[in-house]
């Protein structure tokens, strides 16, 4: 009898707890592309000053991108983490501008441009 009363109370209690928990935010469709773009920008932030005298401040560009996108805190942290990961990936292997660093810089600039265009073409209002 006590078990039945407990079971009858358990289901409504479980339902209340489930409904009371906050809902997970749903990422926008372009989130993966934004994370990749952030990673590229972090890589460029490291590589470009290594190989070119006149450089773009990719950290400022990243900050502007986050400001424009207005992500929630979770997405913001993932974008920043991707940027930092891109920076760290190239800082482990490059100390000077080598032919491979220059090639990576060229390819990353092209990929950044392409990714930014795709995001804008598909998702801009």
PDB file of N, CA and C in Angstrom:
ATOM      1  N   UNK A   1       0.826  -1.188   0.000  1.00  0.00           N
ATOM      2  CA  UNK A   1       0.000   0.000   0.000  1.00  0.00           C
ATOM      3  C   UNK A   1       0.875   1.259   0.000  1.00  0.00           C
ATOM      4  N   UNK A   2       1.875   1.284   0.906  1.00  0.00           N
ATOM      5  CA  UNK A   2       2.767   2.442   0.943  1.00  0.00           C
ATOM      6  C   UNK A   2       3.544   2.572  -0.367  1.00  0.00           C
ATOM      7  N   UNK A   3       3.914   1.441  -0.955  1.00  0.00           N
ATOM      8  CA  UNK A   3       4.633   1.474  -2.222  1.00  0.00           C
ATOM      9  C   UNK A   3       3.772   2.078  -3.313  1.00  0.00           C
ATOM     10  N   UNK A   4       2.494   1.740  -3.343  1.00  0.00           N
ATOM     11  CA  UNK A   4       1.579   2.275  -4.354  1.00  0.00           C
ATOM     12  C   UNK A   4       1.414   3.790  -4.183  1.00  0.00           C
ATOM     13  N   UNK A   5       1.301   4.257  -2.951  1.00  0.00           N
ATOM     14  CA  UNK A   5       1.173   5.699  -2.693  1.00  0.00           C
ATOM     15  C   UNK A   5       2.453   6.400  -3.146  1.00  0.00           C
ATOM     16  N   UNK A   6       3.590   5.779  -2.832  1.00  0.00           N
ATOM     17  CA  UNK A   6       4.870   6.336  -3.241  1.00  0.00           C
ATOM     18  C   UNK A   6       4.957   6.411  -4.771  1.00  0.00           C
ATOM     19  N   UNK A   7       4.555   5.346  -5.446  1.00  0.00           N
ATOM     20  CA  UNK A   7       4.576   5.333  -6.909  1.00  0.00           C
ATOM     21  C   UNK A   7       3.634   6.380  -7.482  1.00  0.00           C
ATOM     22  N   UNK A   8       2.479   6.555  -6.868  1.00  0.00           N
ATOM     23  CA  UNK A   8       1.521   7.561  -7.340  1.00  0.00           C
ATOM     24  C   UNK A   8       2.052   8.981  -7.152  1.00  0.00           C
ATOM     25  N   UNK A   9       2.895   9.179  -6.159  1.00  0.00           N
ATOM     26  CA  UNK A   9       3.487  10.495  -5.932  1.00  0.00           C
ATOM     27  C   UNK A   9       4.754  10.700  -6.767  1.00  0.00           C
ATOM     28  N   UNK A  10       5.426   9.599  -7.060  1.00  0.00           N
ATOM     29  CA  UNK A  10       6.690   9.691  -7.774  1.00  0.00           C
ATOM     30  C   UNK A  10       6.530  10.211  -9.196  1.00  0.00           C
ATOM     31  N   UNK A  11       5.537   9.731  -9.917  1.00  0.00           N
ATOM     32  CA  UNK A  11       5.337  10.168 -11.303  1.00  0.00           C
ATOM     33  C   UNK A  11       5.050  11.668 -11.391  1.00  0.00           C
ATOM     34  N   UNK A  12       4.095  12.191 -10.610  1.00  0.00           N
ATOM     35  CA  UNK A  12       3.877  13.647 -10.689  1.00  0.00           C
ATOM     36  C   UNK A  12       5.094  14.459 -10.237  1.00  0.00           C
ATOM     37  N   UNK A  13       5.815  13.951  -9.230  1.00  0.00           N
ATOM     38  CA  UNK A  13       7.004  14.656  -8.762  1.00  0.00           C
ATOM     39  C   UNK A  13       8.073  14.670  -9.854  1.00  0.00           C
ATOM     40  N   UNK A  14       8.276  13.536 -10.494  1.00  0.00           N
ATOM     41  CA  UNK A  14       9.250  13.466 -11.580  1.00  0.00           C
ATOM     42  C   UNK A  14       8.860  14.393 -12.721  1.00  0.00           C
ATOM     43  N   UNK A  15       7.591  14.471 -13.000  1.00  0.00           N
ATOM     44  CA  UNK A  15       7.097  15.349 -14.058  1.00  0.00           C
ATOM     45  C   UNK A  15       7.359  16.816 -13.710  1.00  0.00           C
ATOM     46  N   UNK A  16       7.111  17.171 -12.455  1.00  0.00           N
ATOM     47  CA  UNK A  16       7.349  18.557 -12.020  1.00  0.00           C
ATOM     48  C   UNK A  16       8.830  18.913 -12.104  1.00  0.00           C
ATOM     49  N   UNK A  17       9.683  17.986 -11.705  1.00  0.00           N
ATOM     50  CA  UNK A  17      11.117  18.240 -11.762  1.00  0.00           C
ATOM     51  C   UNK A  17      11.564  18.393 -13.209  1.00  0.00           C
ATOM     52  N   UNK A  18      11.060  17.528 -14.073  1.00  0.00           N
ATOM     53  CA  UNK A  18      11.433  17.603 -15.489  1.00  0.00           C
ATOM     54  C   UNK A  18      10.980  18.914 -16.111  1.00  0.00           C
ATOM     55  N   UNK A  19       9.811  19.367 -15.745  1.00  0.00           N
ATOM     56  CA  UNK A  19       9.304  20.610 -16.312  1.00  0.00           C
ATOM     57  C   UNK A  19       9.968  21.839 -15.711  1.00  0.00           C
ATOM     58  N   UNK A  20      10.486  21.693 -14.493  1.00  0.00           N
ATOM     59  CA  UNK A  20      11.099  22.827 -13.815  1.00  0.00           C
ATOM     60  C   UNK A  20      12.536  23.062 -14.271  1.00  0.00           C
ATOM     61  N   UNK A  21      13.192  22.066 -14.862  1.00  0.00           N
ATOM     62  CA  UNK A  21      14.568  22.254 -15.295  1.00  0.00           C
ATOM     63  C   UNK A  21      14.595  23.168 -16.519  1.00  0.00           C
ATOM     64  N   UNK A  22      15.617  23.987 -16.634  1.00  0.00           N
ATOM     65  CA  UNK A  22      15.679  24.904 -17.771  1.00  0.00           C
ATOM     66  C   UNK A  22      15.853  24.128 -19.077  1.00  0.00           C
ATOM     67  N   UNK A  23      15.280  24.654 -20.116  1.00  0.00           N
ATOM     68  CA  UNK A  23      15.414  24.035 -21.434  1.00  0.00           C
ATOM     69  C   UNK A  23      16.781  24.371 -22.000  1.00  0.00           C
ATOM     70  N   UNK A  24      17.369  23.430 -22.721  1.00  0.00           N
ATOM     71  CA  UNK A  24      18.644  23.678 -23.375  1.00  0.00           C
ATOM     72  C   UNK A  24      18.416  24.576 -24.575  1.00  0.00           C
ATOM     73  N   UNK A  25      19.292  25.525 -24.741  1.00  0.00           N
ATOM     74  CA  UNK A  25      19.194  26.411 -25.894  1.00  0.00           C
ATOM     75  C   UNK A  25      19.523  25.625 -27.156  1.00  0.00           C
ATOM     76  N   UNK A  26      18.872  25.949 -28.211  1.00  0.00           N
ATOM     77  CA  UNK A  26      19.128  25.303 -29.487  1.00  0.00           C
ATOM     78  C   UNK A  26      20.059  26.206 -30.281  1.00  0.00           C
ATOM     79  N   UNK A  27      21.136  25.614 -30.754  1.00  0.00           N
ATOM     80  CA  UNK A  27      22.098  26.383 -31.552  1.00  0.00           C
ATOM     81  C   UNK A  27      21.470  26.784 -32.877  1.00  0.00           C
ATOM     82  N   UNK A  28      21.857  27.943 -33.382  1.00  0.00           N
ATOM     83  CA  UNK A  28      21.409  28.310 -34.728  1.00  0.00           C
ATOM     84  C   UNK A  28      22.050  27.364 -35.753  1.00  0.00           C
ATOM     85  N   UNK A  29      21.465  27.287 -36.904  1.00  0.00           N
ATOM     86  CA  UNK A  29      21.950  26.368 -37.936  1.00  0.00           C
ATOM     87  C   UNK A  29      23.382  26.655 -38.365  1.00  0.00           C
ATOM     88  N   UNK A  30      23.831  27.872 -38.184  1.00  0.00           N
ATOM     89  CA  UNK A  30      25.172  28.262 -38.622  1.00  0.00           C
ATOM     90  C   UNK A  30      26.235  28.124 -37.531  1.00  0.00           C
ATOM     91  N   UNK A  31      25.902  27.520 -36.406  1.00  0.00           N
ATOM     92  CA  UNK A  31      26.839  27.460 -35.284  1.00  0.00           C
ATOM     93  C   UNK A  31      28.142  26.748 -35.641  1.00  0.00           C
ATOM     94  N   UNK A  32      28.085  25.618 -36.286  1.00  0.00           N
ATOM     95  CA  UNK A  32      29.317  24.882 -36.635  1.00  0.00           C
ATOM     96  C   UNK A  32      30.197  25.719 -37.562  1.00  0.00           C
ATOM     97  N   UNK A  33      29.574  26.406 -38.502  1.00  0.00           N
ATOM     98  CA  UNK A  33      30.347  27.263 -39.409  1.00  0.00           C
ATOM     99  C   UNK A  33      30.967  28.434 -38.638  1.00  0.00           C
ATOM    100  N   UNK A  34      30.227  28.973 -37.674  1.00  0.00           N
ATOM    101  CA  UNK A  34      30.769  30.069 -36.870  1.00  0.00           C
ATOM    102  C   UNK A  34      31.953  29.592 -36.024  1.00  0.00           C
ATOM    103  N   UNK A  35      31.845  28.384 -35.485  1.00  0.00           N
ATOM    104  CA  UNK A  35      32.951  27.852 -34.702  1.00  0.00           C
ATOM    105  C   UNK A  35      34.176  27.631 -35.589  1.00  0.00           C
ATOM    106  N   UNK A  36      33.968  27.140 -36.802  1.00  0.00           N
ATOM    107  CA  UNK A  36      35.092  26.954 -37.728  1.00  0.00           C
ATOM    108  C   UNK A  36      35.701  28.304 -38.107  1.00  0.00           C
ATOM    109  N   UNK A  37      34.858  29.288 -38.375  1.00  0.00           N
ATOM    110  CA  UNK A  37      35.352  30.626 -38.697  1.00  0.00           C
ATOM    111  C   UNK A  37      36.140  31.197 -37.519  1.00  0.00           C
ATOM    112  N   UNK A  38      35.676  30.977 -36.318  1.00  0.00           N
ATOM    113  CA  UNK A  38      36.387  31.442 -35.123  1.00  0.00           C
ATOM    114  C   UNK A  38      37.746  30.775 -34.998  1.00  0.00           C
ATOM    115  N   UNK A  39      37.780  29.471 -35.273  1.00  0.00           N
ATOM    116  CA  UNK A  39      39.040  28.732 -35.224  1.00  0.00           C
ATOM    117  C   UNK A  39      40.022  29.278 -36.263  1.00  0.00           C
ATOM    118  N   UNK A  40      39.535  29.532 -37.448  1.00  0.00           N
ATOM    119  CA  UNK A  40      40.385  30.092 -38.514  1.00  0.00           C
ATOM    120  C   UNK A  40      40.912  31.459 -38.094  1.00  0.00           C
ATOM    121  N   UNK A  41      40.038  32.286 -37.521  1.00  0.00           N
ATOM    122  CA  UNK A  41      40.464  33.622 -37.110  1.00  0.00           C
ATOM    123  C   UNK A  41      41.537  33.550 -36.027  1.00  0.00           C
ATOM    124  N   UNK A  42      41.435  32.585 -35.133  1.00  0.00           N
ATOM    125  CA  UNK A  42      42.478  32.389 -34.128  1.00  0.00           C
ATOM    126  C   UNK A  42      43.798  31.991 -34.761  1.00  0.00           C
ATOM    127  N   UNK A  43      43.724  31.123 -35.770  1.00  0.00           N
ATOM    128  CA  UNK A  43      44.931  30.712 -36.492  1.00  0.00           C
ATOM    129  C   UNK A  43      45.557  31.904 -37.211  1.00  0.00           C
ATOM    130  N   UNK A  44      44.721  32.708 -37.839  1.00  0.00           N
ATOM    131  CA  UNK A  44      45.209  33.894 -38.535  1.00  0.00           C
ATOM    132  C   UNK A  44      45.813  34.901 -37.565  1.00  0.00           C
ATOM    133  N   UNK A  45      45.235  34.996 -36.379  1.00  0.00           N
ATOM    134  CA  UNK A  45      45.750  35.905 -35.356  1.00  0.00           C
ATOM    135  C   UNK A  45      47.195  35.542 -35.000  1.00  0.00           C
ATOM    136  N   UNK A  46      47.519  34.260 -35.049  1.00  0.00           N
ATOM    137  CA  UNK A  46      48.890  33.851 -34.791  1.00  0.00           C
ATOM    138  C   UNK A  46      49.773  33.971 -36.037  1.00  0.00           C
ATOM    139  N   UNK A  47      49.297  33.460 -37.161  1.00  0.00           N
ATOM    140  CA  UNK A  47      50.130  33.346 -38.357  1.00  0.00           C
ATOM    141  C   UNK A  47      50.399  34.662 -39.082  1.00  0.00           C
ATOM    142  N   UNK A  48      49.405  35.513 -39.178  1.00  0.00           N
ATOM    143  CA  UNK A  48      49.573  36.698 -40.016  1.00  0.00           C
ATOM    144  C   UNK A  48      50.711  37.607 -39.546  1.00  0.00           C
ATOM    145  N   UNK A  49      50.832  37.922 -38.269  1.00  0.00           N
ATOM    146  CA  UNK A  49      51.970  38.755 -37.853  1.00  0.00           C
ATOM    147  C   UNK A  49      53.324  38.070 -38.061  1.00  0.00           C
ATOM    148  N   UNK A  50      53.309  36.753 -38.113  1.00  0.00           N
ATOM    149  CA  UNK A  50      54.542  36.000 -38.345  1.00  0.00           C
ATOM    150  C   UNK A  50      55.061  36.216 -39.767  1.00  0.00           C
ATOM    151  N   UNK A  51      54.127  36.343 -40.731  1.00  0.00           N
ATOM    152  CA  UNK A  51      54.511  36.362 -42.146  1.00  0.00           C
ATOM    153  C   UNK A  51      54.271  37.693 -42.855  1.00  0.00           C
ATOM    154  N   UNK A  52      53.557  38.608 -42.264  1.00  0.00           N
ATOM    155  CA  UNK A  52      53.254  39.874 -42.926  1.00  0.00           C
ATOM    156  C   UNK A  52      53.471  41.029 -41.964  1.00  0.00           C
ATOM    157  N   UNK A  53      53.928  42.148 -42.491  1.00  0.00           N
ATOM    158  CA  UNK A  53      54.143  43.311 -41.625  1.00  0.00           C
ATOM    159  C   UNK A  53      52.834  44.058 -41.370  1.00  0.00           C
ATOM    160  N   UNK A  54      52.011  44.203 -42.388  1.00  0.00           N
ATOM    161  CA  UNK A  54      50.724  44.874 -42.213  1.00  0.00           C
ATOM    162  C   UNK A  54      49.661  43.798 -41.989  1.00  0.00           C
ATOM    163  N   UNK A  55      49.112  43.785 -40.796  1.00  0.00           N
ATOM    164  CA  UNK A  55      48.189  42.699 -40.464  1.00  0.00           C
ATOM    165  C   UNK A  55      46.856  43.224 -39.961  1.00  0.00           C
ATOM    166  N   UNK A  56      45.876  42.357 -40.049  1.00  0.00           N
ATOM    167  CA  UNK A  56      44.551  42.615 -39.483  1.00  0.00           C
ATOM    168  C   UNK A  56      44.574  42.149 -38.034  1.00  0.00           C
ATOM    169  N   UNK A  57      43.918  42.874 -37.158  1.00  0.00           N
ATOM    170  CA  UNK A  57      43.814  42.412 -35.766  1.00  0.00           C
ATOM    171  C   UNK A  57      42.626  41.454 -35.681  1.00  0.00           C
ATOM    172  N   UNK A  58      42.915  40.159 -35.809  1.00  0.00           N
ATOM    173  CA  UNK A  58      41.861  39.144 -35.861  1.00  0.00           C
ATOM    174  C   UNK A  58      41.128  39.005 -34.536  1.00  0.00           C
ATOM    175  N   UNK A  59      41.776  39.382 -33.448  1.00  0.00           N
ATOM    176  CA  UNK A  59      41.092  39.332 -32.147  1.00  0.00           C
ATOM    177  C   UNK A  59      39.984  40.394 -32.100  1.00  0.00           C
ATOM    178  N   UNK A  60      40.264  41.565 -32.621  1.00  0.00           N
ATOM    179  CA  UNK A  60      39.248  42.620 -32.697  1.00  0.00           C
ATOM    180  C   UNK A  60      38.123  42.188 -33.643  1.00  0.00           C
ATOM    181  N   UNK A  61      38.506  41.587 -34.780  1.00  0.00           N
ATOM    182  CA  UNK A  61      37.501  41.092 -35.722  1.00  0.00           C
ATOM    183  C   UNK A  61      36.613  40.039 -35.057  1.00  0.00           C
ATOM    184  N   UNK A  62      37.217  39.166 -34.250  1.00  0.00           N
ATOM    185  CA  UNK A  62      36.464  38.122 -33.542  1.00  0.00           C
ATOM    186  C   UNK A  62      35.497  38.755 -32.544  1.00  0.00           C
ATOM    187  N   UNK A  63      35.980  39.748 -31.830  1.00  0.00           N
ATOM    188  CA  UNK A  63      35.124  40.444 -30.869  1.00  0.00           C
ATOM    189  C   UNK A  63      33.943  41.101 -31.571  1.00  0.00           C
ATOM    190  N   UNK A  64      34.200  41.719 -32.717  1.00  0.00           N
ATOM    191  CA  UNK A  64      33.119  42.345 -33.494  1.00  0.00           C
ATOM    192  C   UNK A  64      32.113  41.301 -33.972  1.00  0.00           C
ATOM    193  N   UNK A  65      32.607  40.148 -34.403  1.00  0.00           N
ATOM    194  CA  UNK A  65      31.736  39.073 -34.859  1.00  0.00           C
ATOM    195  C   UNK A  65      30.825  38.583 -33.731  1.00  0.00           C
ATOM    196  N   UNK A  66      31.394  38.415 -32.554  1.00  0.00           N
ATOM    197  CA  UNK A  66      30.594  37.975 -31.395  1.00  0.00           C
ATOM    198  C   UNK A  66      29.572  39.040 -31.038  1.00  0.00           C
ATOM    199  N   UNK A  67      29.969  40.298 -31.066  1.00  0.00           N
ATOM    200  CA  UNK A  67      29.045  41.386 -30.755  1.00  0.00           C
ATOM    201  C   UNK A  67      27.875  41.404 -31.732  1.00  0.00           C
ATOM    202  N   UNK A  68      28.156  41.215 -33.010  1.00  0.00           N
ATOM    203  CA  UNK A  68      27.092  41.214 -34.014  1.00  0.00           C
ATOM    204  C   UNK A  68      26.170  40.004 -33.886  1.00  0.00           C
ATOM    205  N   UNK A  69      26.733  38.852 -33.550  1.00  0.00           N
ATOM    206  CA  UNK A  69      25.945  37.619 -33.465  1.00  0.00           C
ATOM    207  C   UNK A  69      25.086  37.569 -32.200  1.00  0.00           C
ATOM    208  N   UNK A  70      25.529  38.204 -31.131  1.00  0.00           N
ATOM    209  CA  UNK A  70      24.829  38.227 -29.850  1.00  0.00           C
ATOM    210  C   UNK A  70      24.496  36.816 -29.344  1.00  0.00           C
ATOM    211  N   UNK A  71      25.522  35.955 -29.206  1.00  0.00           N
ATOM    212  CA  UNK A  71      25.251  34.592 -28.750  1.00  0.00           C
ATOM    213  C   UNK A  71      24.973  34.551 -27.250  1.00  0.00           C
ATOM    214  N   UNK A  72      24.308  33.467 -26.819  1.00  0.00           N
ATOM    215  CA  UNK A  72      24.170  33.272 -25.377  1.00  0.00           C
ATOM    216  C   UNK A  72      25.548  32.907 -24.816  1.00  0.00           C
ATOM    217  N   UNK A  73      25.672  32.813 -23.514  1.00  0.00           N
ATOM    218  CA  UNK A  73      26.982  32.618 -22.892  1.00  0.00           C
ATOM    219  C   UNK A  73      27.640  31.300 -23.310  1.00  0.00           C
ATOM    220  N   UNK A  74      26.866  30.250 -23.448  1.00  0.00           N
ATOM    221  CA  UNK A  74      27.414  28.961 -23.857  1.00  0.00           C
ATOM    222  C   UNK A  74      28.020  29.050 -25.263  1.00  0.00           C
ATOM    223  N   UNK A  75      27.273  29.601 -26.200  1.00  0.00           N
ATOM    224  CA  UNK A  75      27.772  29.747 -27.566  1.00  0.00           C
ATOM    225  C   UNK A  75      28.961  30.691 -27.606  1.00  0.00           C
ATOM    226  N   UNK A  76      28.909  31.754 -26.833  1.00  0.00           N
ATOM    227  CA  UNK A  76      30.013  32.717 -26.776  1.00  0.00           C
ATOM    228  C   UNK A  76      31.294  32.021 -26.326  1.00  0.00           C
ATOM    229  N   UNK A  77      31.198  31.207 -25.301  1.00  0.00           N
ATOM    230  CA  UNK A  77      32.367  30.492 -24.798  1.00  0.00           C
ATOM    231  C   UNK A  77      32.900  29.493 -25.819  1.00  0.00           C
ATOM    232  N   UNK A  78      32.014  28.850 -26.564  1.00  0.00           N
ATOM    233  CA  UNK A  78      32.459  27.913 -27.599  1.00  0.00           C
ATOM    234  C   UNK A  78      33.164  28.642 -28.737  1.00  0.00           C
ATOM    235  N   UNK A  79      32.666  29.819 -29.101  1.00  0.00           N
ATOM    236  CA  UNK A  79      33.323  30.600 -30.150  1.00  0.00           C
ATOM    237  C   UNK A  79      34.710  31.066 -29.699  1.00  0.00           C
ATOM    238  N   UNK A  80      34.794  31.524 -28.480  1.00  0.00           N
ATOM    239  CA  UNK A  80      36.088  31.946 -27.937  1.00  0.00           C
ATOM    240  C   UNK A  80      37.034  30.754 -27.825  1.00  0.00           C
ATOM    241  N   UNK A  81      36.510  29.622 -27.404  1.00  0.00           N
ATOM    242  CA  UNK A  81      37.329  28.412 -27.307  1.00  0.00           C
ATOM    243  C   UNK A  81      37.859  27.976 -28.663  1.00  0.00           C
ATOM    244  N   UNK A  82      37.029  28.099 -29.693  1.00  0.00           N
ATOM    245  CA  UNK A  82      37.471  27.746 -31.047  1.00  0.00           C
ATOM    246  C   UNK A  82      38.572  28.698 -31.502  1.00  0.00           C
ATOM    247  N   UNK A  83      38.418  29.988 -31.237  1.00  0.00           N
ATOM    248  CA  UNK A  83      39.440  30.980 -31.580  1.00  0.00           C
ATOM    249  C   UNK A  83      40.760  30.627 -30.893  1.00  0.00           C
ATOM    250  N   UNK A  84      40.687  30.374 -29.588  1.00  0.00           N
ATOM    251  CA  UNK A  84      41.897  30.042 -28.832  1.00  0.00           C
ATOM    252  C   UNK A  84      42.516  28.732 -29.305  1.00  0.00           C
ATOM    253  N   UNK A  85      41.672  27.776 -29.680  1.00  0.00           N
ATOM    254  CA  UNK A  85      42.179  26.506 -30.196  1.00  0.00           C
ATOM    255  C   UNK A  85      42.919  26.681 -31.505  1.00  0.00           C
ATOM    256  N   UNK A  86      42.394  27.526 -32.388  1.00  0.00           N
ATOM    257  CA  UNK A  86      43.072  27.810 -33.652  1.00  0.00           C
ATOM    258  C   UNK A  86      44.418  28.469 -33.420  1.00  0.00           C
ATOM    259  N   UNK A  87      44.457  29.401 -32.487  1.00  0.00           N
ATOM    260  CA  UNK A  87      45.717  30.065 -32.145  1.00  0.00           C
ATOM    261  C   UNK A  87      46.722  29.044 -31.617  1.00  0.00           C
ATOM    262  N   UNK A  88      46.281  28.230 -30.677  1.00  0.00           N
ATOM    263  CA  UNK A  88      47.181  27.264 -30.043  1.00  0.00           C
ATOM    264  C   UNK A  88      47.706  26.227 -31.035  1.00  0.00           C
ATOM    265  N   UNK A  89      46.867  25.822 -31.968  1.00  0.00           N
ATOM    266  CA  UNK A  89      47.264  24.789 -32.933  1.00  0.00           C
ATOM    267  C   UNK A  89      48.471  25.223 -33.751  1.00  0.00           C
ATOM    268  N   UNK A  90      48.485  26.462 -34.193  1.00  0.00           N
ATOM    269  CA  UNK A  90      49.602  26.922 -35.013  1.00  0.00           C
ATOM    270  C   UNK A  90      50.782  27.403 -34.172  1.00  0.00           C
ATOM    271  N   UNK A  91      50.525  27.847 -32.966  1.00  0.00           N
ATOM    272  CA  UNK A  91      51.632  28.324 -32.132  1.00  0.00           C
ATOM    273  C   UNK A  91      52.534  27.180 -31.672  1.00  0.00           C
ATOM    274  N   UNK A  92      52.035  25.953 -31.706  1.00  0.00           N
ATOM    275  CA  UNK A  92      52.851  24.802 -31.315  1.00  0.00           C
ATOM    276  C   UNK A  92      53.935  24.481 -32.343  1.00  0.00           C
ATOM    277  N   UNK A  93      53.680  24.796 -33.615  1.00  0.00           N
ATOM    278  CA  UNK A  93      54.567  24.324 -34.674  1.00  0.00           C
ATOM    279  C   UNK A  93      55.324  25.414 -35.418  1.00  0.00           C
ATOM    280  N   UNK A  94      54.905  26.648 -35.283  1.00  0.00           N
ATOM    281  CA  UNK A  94      55.533  27.718 -36.067  1.00  0.00           C
ATOM    282  C   UNK A  94      56.130  28.778 -35.150  1.00  0.00           C
ATOM    283  N   UNK A  95      57.394  29.079 -35.406  1.00  0.00           N
ATOM    284  CA  UNK A  95      58.074  30.153 -34.671  1.00  0.00           C
ATOM    285  C   UNK A  95      58.488  31.276 -35.622  1.00  0.00           C
ATOM    286  N   UNK A  96      58.652  30.917 -36.877  1.00  0.00           N
ATOM    287  CA  UNK A  96      59.024  31.883 -37.914  1.00  0.00           C
ATOM    288  C   UNK A  96      58.144  31.632 -39.131  1.00  0.00           C
ATOM    289  N   UNK A  97      58.205  32.553 -40.061  1.00  0.00           N
ATOM    290  CA  UNK A  97      57.422  32.395 -41.281  1.00  0.00           C
ATOM    291  C   UNK A  97      58.147  31.446 -42.227  1.00  0.00           C
ATOM    292  N   UNK A  98      57.678  30.244 -42.282  1.00  0.00           N
ATOM    293  CA  UNK A  98      58.241  29.231 -43.184  1.00  0.00           C
ATOM    294  C   UNK A  98      57.331  29.128 -44.407  1.00  0.00           C
ATOM    295  N   UNK A  99      57.766  28.440 -45.444  1.00  0.00           N
ATOM    296  CA  UNK A  99      56.873  28.237 -46.594  1.00  0.00           C
ATOM    297  C   UNK A  99      55.560  27.542 -46.204  1.00  0.00           C
ATOM    298  N   UNK A 100      55.613  26.607 -45.266  1.00  0.00           N
ATOM    299  CA  UNK A 100      54.373  25.937 -44.846  1.00  0.00           C
ATOM    300  C   UNK A 100      53.462  26.885 -44.060  1.00  0.00           C
ATOM    301  N   UNK A 101      54.046  27.766 -43.262  1.00  0.00           N
ATOM    302  CA  UNK A 101      53.235  28.756 -42.534  1.00  0.00           C
ATOM    303  C   UNK A 101      52.586  29.728 -43.508  1.00  0.00           C
ATOM    304  N   UNK A 102      53.328  30.136 -44.508  1.00  0.00           N
ATOM    305  CA  UNK A 102      52.790  31.043 -45.524  1.00  0.00           C
ATOM    306  C   UNK A 102      51.672  30.375 -46.322  1.00  0.00           C
ATOM    307  N   UNK A 103      51.853  29.113 -46.648  1.00  0.00           N
ATOM    308  CA  UNK A 103      50.812  28.358 -47.364  1.00  0.00           C
ATOM    309  C   UNK A 103      49.566  28.204 -46.490  1.00  0.00           C
ATOM    310  N   UNK A 104      49.768  27.900 -45.221  1.00  0.00           N
ATOM    311  CA  UNK A 104      48.629  27.785 -44.297  1.00  0.00           C
ATOM    312  C   UNK A 104      47.896  29.114 -44.194  1.00  0.00           C
ATOM    313  N   UNK A 105      48.638  30.202 -44.099  1.00  0.00           N
ATOM    314  CA  UNK A 105      48.043  31.541 -44.036  1.00  0.00           C
ATOM    315  C   UNK A 105      47.190  31.811 -45.269  1.00  0.00           C
ATOM    316  N   UNK A 106      47.718  31.513 -46.431  1.00  0.00           N
ATOM    317  CA  UNK A 106      46.991  31.730 -47.687  1.00  0.00           C
ATOM    318  C   UNK A 106      45.703  30.909 -47.725  1.00  0.00           C
ATOM    319  N   UNK A 107      45.805  29.650 -47.356  1.00  0.00           N
ATOM    320  CA  UNK A 107      44.630  28.772 -47.377  1.00  0.00           C
ATOM    321  C   UNK A 107      43.591  29.187 -46.334  1.00  0.00           C
ATOM    322  N   UNK A 108      44.061  29.572 -45.163  1.00  0.00           N
ATOM    323  CA  UNK A 108      43.126  29.984 -44.108  1.00  0.00           C
ATOM    324  C   UNK A 108      42.389  31.271 -44.479  1.00  0.00           C
ATOM    325  N   UNK A 109      43.100  32.208 -45.097  1.00  0.00           N
ATOM    326  CA  UNK A 109      42.436  33.437 -45.534  1.00  0.00           C
ATOM    327  C   UNK A 109      41.339  33.125 -46.549  1.00  0.00           C
ATOM    328  N   UNK A 110      41.630  32.228 -47.485  1.00  0.00           N
ATOM    329  CA  UNK A 110      40.627  31.843 -48.485  1.00  0.00           C
ATOM    330  C   UNK A 110      39.452  31.125 -47.836  1.00  0.00           C
ATOM    331  N   UNK A 111      39.742  30.229 -46.892  1.00  0.00           N
ATOM    332  CA  UNK A 111      38.652  29.510 -46.216  1.00  0.00           C
ATOM    333  C   UNK A 111      37.815  30.446 -45.352  1.00  0.00           C
ATOM    334  N   UNK A 112      38.453  31.394 -44.705  1.00  0.00           N
ATOM    335  CA  UNK A 112      37.714  32.361 -43.881  1.00  0.00           C
ATOM    336  C   UNK A 112      36.763  33.174 -44.747  1.00  0.00           C
ATOM    337  N   UNK A 113      37.260  33.631 -45.888  1.00  0.00           N
ATOM    338  CA  UNK A 113      36.422  34.410 -46.799  1.00  0.00           C
ATOM    339  C   UNK A 113      35.242  33.574 -47.297  1.00  0.00           C
ATOM    340  N   UNK A 114      35.510  32.340 -47.692  1.00  0.00           N
ATOM    341  CA  UNK A 114      34.454  31.462 -48.196  1.00  0.00           C
ATOM    342  C   UNK A 114      33.415  31.155 -47.114  1.00  0.00           C
ATOM    343  N   UNK A 115      33.877  30.853 -45.912  1.00  0.00           N
ATOM    344  CA  UNK A 115      32.969  30.528 -44.810  1.00  0.00           C
ATOM    345  C   UNK A 115      32.112  31.735 -44.447  1.00  0.00           C
ATOM    346  N   UNK A 116      32.715  32.903 -44.385  1.00  0.00           N
ATOM    347  CA  UNK A 116      31.956  34.118 -44.065  1.00  0.00           C
ATOM    348  C   UNK A 116      30.902  34.400 -45.135  1.00  0.00           C
ATOM    349  N   UNK A 117      31.269  34.204 -46.386  1.00  0.00           N
ATOM    350  CA  UNK A 117      30.297  34.406 -47.484  1.00  0.00           C
ATOM    351  C   UNK A 117      29.145  33.420 -47.391  1.00  0.00           C
ATOM    352  N   UNK A 118      29.452  32.140 -47.090  1.00  0.00           N
ATOM    353  CA  UNK A 118      28.394  31.134 -46.974  1.00  0.00           C
ATOM    354  C   UNK A 118      27.440  31.455 -45.835  1.00  0.00           C
ATOM    355  N   UNK A 119      27.981  31.823 -44.703  1.00  0.00           N
ATOM    356  CA  UNK A 119      27.139  32.174 -43.546  1.00  0.00           C
ATOM    357  C   UNK A 119      26.231  33.345 -43.926  1.00  0.00           C
ATOM    358  N   UNK A 120      26.821  34.356 -44.533  1.00  0.00           N
ATOM    359  CA  UNK A 120      26.039  35.538 -44.898  1.00  0.00           C
ATOM    360  C   UNK A 120      24.976  35.198 -45.944  1.00  0.00           C
ATOM    361  N   UNK A 121      25.358  34.438 -46.955  1.00  0.00           N
ATOM    362  CA  UNK A 121      24.405  34.113 -48.036  1.00  0.00           C
ATOM    363  C   UNK A 121      23.247  33.259 -47.539  1.00  0.00           C
ATOM    364  N   UNK A 122      23.524  32.356 -46.641  1.00  0.00           N
ATOM    365  CA  UNK A 122      22.480  31.416 -46.189  1.00  0.00           C
ATOM    366  C   UNK A 122      21.653  31.939 -45.030  1.00  0.00           C
ATOM    367  N   UNK A 123      22.257  32.755 -44.149  1.00  0.00           N
ATOM    368  CA  UNK A 123      21.579  33.049 -42.892  1.00  0.00           C
ATOM    369  C   UNK A 123      21.351  34.517 -42.592  1.00  0.00           C
ATOM    370  N   UNK A 124      21.889  35.422 -43.394  1.00  0.00           N
ATOM    371  CA  UNK A 124      21.684  36.856 -43.121  1.00  0.00           C
ATOM    372  C   UNK A 124      20.241  37.226 -43.399  1.00  0.00           C
ATOM    373  N   UNK A 125      19.741  38.083 -42.570  1.00  0.00           N
ATOM    374  CA  UNK A 125      18.334  38.515 -42.730  1.00  0.00           C
ATOM    375  C   UNK A 125      18.225  39.649 -43.710  1.00  0.00           C
TER     376      UNK A 125
END
